[in-house]
């Protein structure tokens, strides 16, 4: 019997030093990898970093936790973070979780 690793299709790609695109399914299987990859990109961003979420196909609460981590990391490094094209369902989870005030300046 062989064990086959689940397909991981979520990724974050740098568009340039201040912009990135997040895509795919955001869940616990990819969160740690994306968290670290995003932090690496942020370290190169200078004073601002923008993440396009238009290609996120599905997100659990782990996806929201990922955004929160990046936001806090950016605050520690004095990097202004902006999340653009946030999918409607992610916005609903943010609202339901009472995180509108926490993320309001970062959501575009």
C-alpha atoms as a PDB file:
ATOM      1  CA  UNK A   1       0.000   0.000   0.000  1.00  0.00           C
ATOM      2  CA  UNK A   2       1.419   3.366  -0.952  1.00  0.00           C
ATOM      3  CA  UNK A   3       0.612   6.703   0.529  1.00  0.00           C
ATOM      4  CA  UNK A   4       0.043   9.476  -1.945  1.00  0.00           C
ATOM      5  CA  UNK A   5       0.527  13.038  -0.761  1.00  0.00           C
ATOM      6  CA  UNK A   6      -2.461  15.304  -1.380  1.00  0.00           C
ATOM      7  CA  UNK A   7      -2.148  17.703  -4.275  1.00  0.00           C
ATOM      8  CA  UNK A   8      -1.209  21.144  -3.029  1.00  0.00           C
ATOM      9  CA  UNK A   9      -2.345  23.766  -5.467  1.00  0.00           C
ATOM     10  CA  UNK A  10      -2.222  26.937  -3.374  1.00  0.00           C
ATOM     11  CA  UNK A  11       0.650  29.263  -4.096  1.00  0.00           C
ATOM     12  CA  UNK A  12       1.905  32.773  -3.656  1.00  0.00           C
ATOM     13  CA  UNK A  13       3.783  34.349  -6.539  1.00  0.00           C
ATOM     14  CA  UNK A  14       5.636  37.643  -6.568  1.00  0.00           C
ATOM     15  CA  UNK A  15       4.456  39.986  -9.304  1.00  0.00           C
ATOM     16  CA  UNK A  16       7.168  42.454  -8.348  1.00  0.00           C
ATOM     17  CA  UNK A  17       8.879  43.383  -5.060  1.00  0.00           C
ATOM     18  CA  UNK A  18       5.756  45.099  -3.713  1.00  0.00           C
ATOM     19  CA  UNK A  19       2.994  42.921  -5.158  1.00  0.00           C
ATOM     20  CA  UNK A  20       2.090  39.264  -4.938  1.00  0.00           C
ATOM     21  CA  UNK A  21      -0.778  37.033  -6.032  1.00  0.00           C
ATOM     22  CA  UNK A  22      -2.232  34.337  -3.810  1.00  0.00           C
ATOM     23  CA  UNK A  23      -4.147  31.540  -5.511  1.00  0.00           C
ATOM     24  CA  UNK A  24      -5.737  28.174  -4.923  1.00  0.00           C
ATOM     25  CA  UNK A  25      -7.295  26.518  -1.910  1.00  0.00           C
ATOM     26  CA  UNK A  26      -6.199  27.931   1.455  1.00  0.00           C
ATOM     27  CA  UNK A  27      -6.359  25.280   4.149  1.00  0.00           C
ATOM     28  CA  UNK A  28      -4.299  23.769   6.925  1.00  0.00           C
ATOM     29  CA  UNK A  29      -2.290  21.671   4.465  1.00  0.00           C
ATOM     30  CA  UNK A  30      -0.694  24.717   2.841  1.00  0.00           C
ATOM     31  CA  UNK A  31      -0.904  27.404   5.517  1.00  0.00           C
ATOM     32  CA  UNK A  32       2.560  27.046   7.052  1.00  0.00           C
ATOM     33  CA  UNK A  33       4.298  27.006   3.684  1.00  0.00           C
ATOM     34  CA  UNK A  34       2.352  30.052   2.457  1.00  0.00           C
ATOM     35  CA  UNK A  35       2.948  31.883   5.733  1.00  0.00           C
ATOM     36  CA  UNK A  36       6.725  31.536   5.370  1.00  0.00           C
ATOM     37  CA  UNK A  37       6.763  32.280   1.634  1.00  0.00           C
ATOM     38  CA  UNK A  38       4.684  35.422   2.213  1.00  0.00           C
ATOM     39  CA  UNK A  39       7.009  36.600   4.984  1.00  0.00           C
ATOM     40  CA  UNK A  40      10.016  36.116   2.693  1.00  0.00           C
ATOM     41  CA  UNK A  41       8.364  38.239   0.016  1.00  0.00           C
ATOM     42  CA  UNK A  42       7.430  40.904   2.571  1.00  0.00           C
ATOM     43  CA  UNK A  43      11.036  41.218   3.703  1.00  0.00           C
ATOM     44  CA  UNK A  44      11.872  42.329   0.143  1.00  0.00           C
ATOM     45  CA  UNK A  45       8.927  44.707  -0.204  1.00  0.00           C
ATOM     46  CA  UNK A  46      10.185  47.870   1.418  1.00  0.00           C
ATOM     47  CA  UNK A  47       7.446  49.921   3.066  1.00  0.00           C
ATOM     48  CA  UNK A  48       4.367  48.446   1.361  1.00  0.00           C
ATOM     49  CA  UNK A  49       3.120  45.117   0.064  1.00  0.00           C
ATOM     50  CA  UNK A  50      -0.061  44.286  -1.836  1.00  0.00           C
ATOM     51  CA  UNK A  51      -1.562  40.813  -2.157  1.00  0.00           C
ATOM     52  CA  UNK A  52      -4.126  40.034  -4.848  1.00  0.00           C
ATOM     53  CA  UNK A  53      -6.566  37.345  -3.691  1.00  0.00           C
ATOM     54  CA  UNK A  54      -8.671  37.168  -6.867  1.00  0.00           C
ATOM     55  CA  UNK A  55      -7.511  33.613  -7.619  1.00  0.00           C
ATOM     56  CA  UNK A  56      -8.228  32.154  -4.180  1.00  0.00           C
ATOM     57  CA  UNK A  57     -10.696  29.389  -4.951  1.00  0.00           C
ATOM     58  CA  UNK A  58     -11.547  28.317  -1.416  1.00  0.00           C
ATOM     59  CA  UNK A  59     -10.557  29.355   2.075  1.00  0.00           C
ATOM     60  CA  UNK A  60     -11.153  27.961   5.502  1.00  0.00           C
ATOM     61  CA  UNK A  61     -10.587  30.012   8.634  1.00  0.00           C
ATOM     62  CA  UNK A  62      -6.927  29.125   8.142  1.00  0.00           C
ATOM     63  CA  UNK A  63      -6.877  31.525   5.171  1.00  0.00           C
ATOM     64  CA  UNK A  64      -8.089  34.354   7.401  1.00  0.00           C
ATOM     65  CA  UNK A  65      -5.466  33.426  10.002  1.00  0.00           C
ATOM     66  CA  UNK A  66      -2.848  33.632   7.250  1.00  0.00           C
ATOM     67  CA  UNK A  67      -3.924  37.183   6.358  1.00  0.00           C
ATOM     68  CA  UNK A  68      -3.862  38.174  10.026  1.00  0.00           C
ATOM     69  CA  UNK A  69      -0.363  36.777  10.460  1.00  0.00           C
ATOM     70  CA  UNK A  70       0.916  38.691   7.446  1.00  0.00           C
ATOM     71  CA  UNK A  71      -0.756  41.848   8.719  1.00  0.00           C
ATOM     72  CA  UNK A  72       0.902  41.507  12.146  1.00  0.00           C
ATOM     73  CA  UNK A  73       4.261  40.626  10.601  1.00  0.00           C
ATOM     74  CA  UNK A  74       3.976  43.681   8.362  1.00  0.00           C
ATOM     75  CA  UNK A  75       3.200  45.892  11.354  1.00  0.00           C
ATOM     76  CA  UNK A  76       6.302  44.582  13.140  1.00  0.00           C
ATOM     77  CA  UNK A  77       8.420  45.389  10.066  1.00  0.00           C
ATOM     78  CA  UNK A  78       6.685  48.731   9.309  1.00  0.00           C
ATOM     79  CA  UNK A  79       5.264  47.425   6.048  1.00  0.00           C
ATOM     80  CA  UNK A  80       1.806  48.584   4.991  1.00  0.00           C
ATOM     81  CA  UNK A  81      -0.165  45.548   3.819  1.00  0.00           C
ATOM     82  CA  UNK A  82      -3.096  45.745   1.420  1.00  0.00           C
ATOM     83  CA  UNK A  83      -5.304  42.812   0.428  1.00  0.00           C
ATOM     84  CA  UNK A  84      -7.062  43.389  -2.902  1.00  0.00           C
ATOM     85  CA  UNK A  85      -9.793  41.431  -4.684  1.00  0.00           C
ATOM     86  CA  UNK A  86     -10.754  39.592  -1.507  1.00  0.00           C
ATOM     87  CA  UNK A  87     -13.307  36.906  -2.409  1.00  0.00           C
ATOM     88  CA  UNK A  88     -16.829  37.481  -1.149  1.00  0.00           C
ATOM     89  CA  UNK A  89     -16.826  34.350   1.023  1.00  0.00           C
ATOM     90  CA  UNK A  90     -13.595  35.427   2.741  1.00  0.00           C
ATOM     91  CA  UNK A  91     -15.149  38.821   3.444  1.00  0.00           C
ATOM     92  CA  UNK A  92     -18.146  37.062   4.962  1.00  0.00           C
ATOM     93  CA  UNK A  93     -15.901  35.037   7.294  1.00  0.00           C
ATOM     94  CA  UNK A  94     -14.010  38.206   8.263  1.00  0.00           C
ATOM     95  CA  UNK A  95     -17.291  39.940   9.066  1.00  0.00           C
ATOM     96  CA  UNK A  96     -18.769  36.944  10.915  1.00  0.00           C
ATOM     97  CA  UNK A  97     -15.573  36.598  12.971  1.00  0.00           C
ATOM     98  CA  UNK A  98     -15.714  40.232  14.064  1.00  0.00           C
ATOM     99  CA  UNK A  99     -12.446  41.045  12.294  1.00  0.00           C
ATOM    100  CA  UNK A 100     -13.646  43.968  10.171  1.00  0.00           C
ATOM    101  CA  UNK A 101     -12.022  46.511  12.491  1.00  0.00           C
ATOM    102  CA  UNK A 102      -8.752  44.564  12.611  1.00  0.00           C
ATOM    103  CA  UNK A 103      -8.508  44.245   8.827  1.00  0.00           C
ATOM    104  CA  UNK A 104     -10.357  47.400   7.704  1.00  0.00           C
ATOM    105  CA  UNK A 105      -7.235  49.371   6.742  1.00  0.00           C
ATOM    106  CA  UNK A 106      -5.776  46.406   4.852  1.00  0.00           C
ATOM    107  CA  UNK A 107      -8.851  45.469   2.801  1.00  0.00           C
ATOM    108  CA  UNK A 108      -9.222  47.156  -0.548  1.00  0.00           C
END
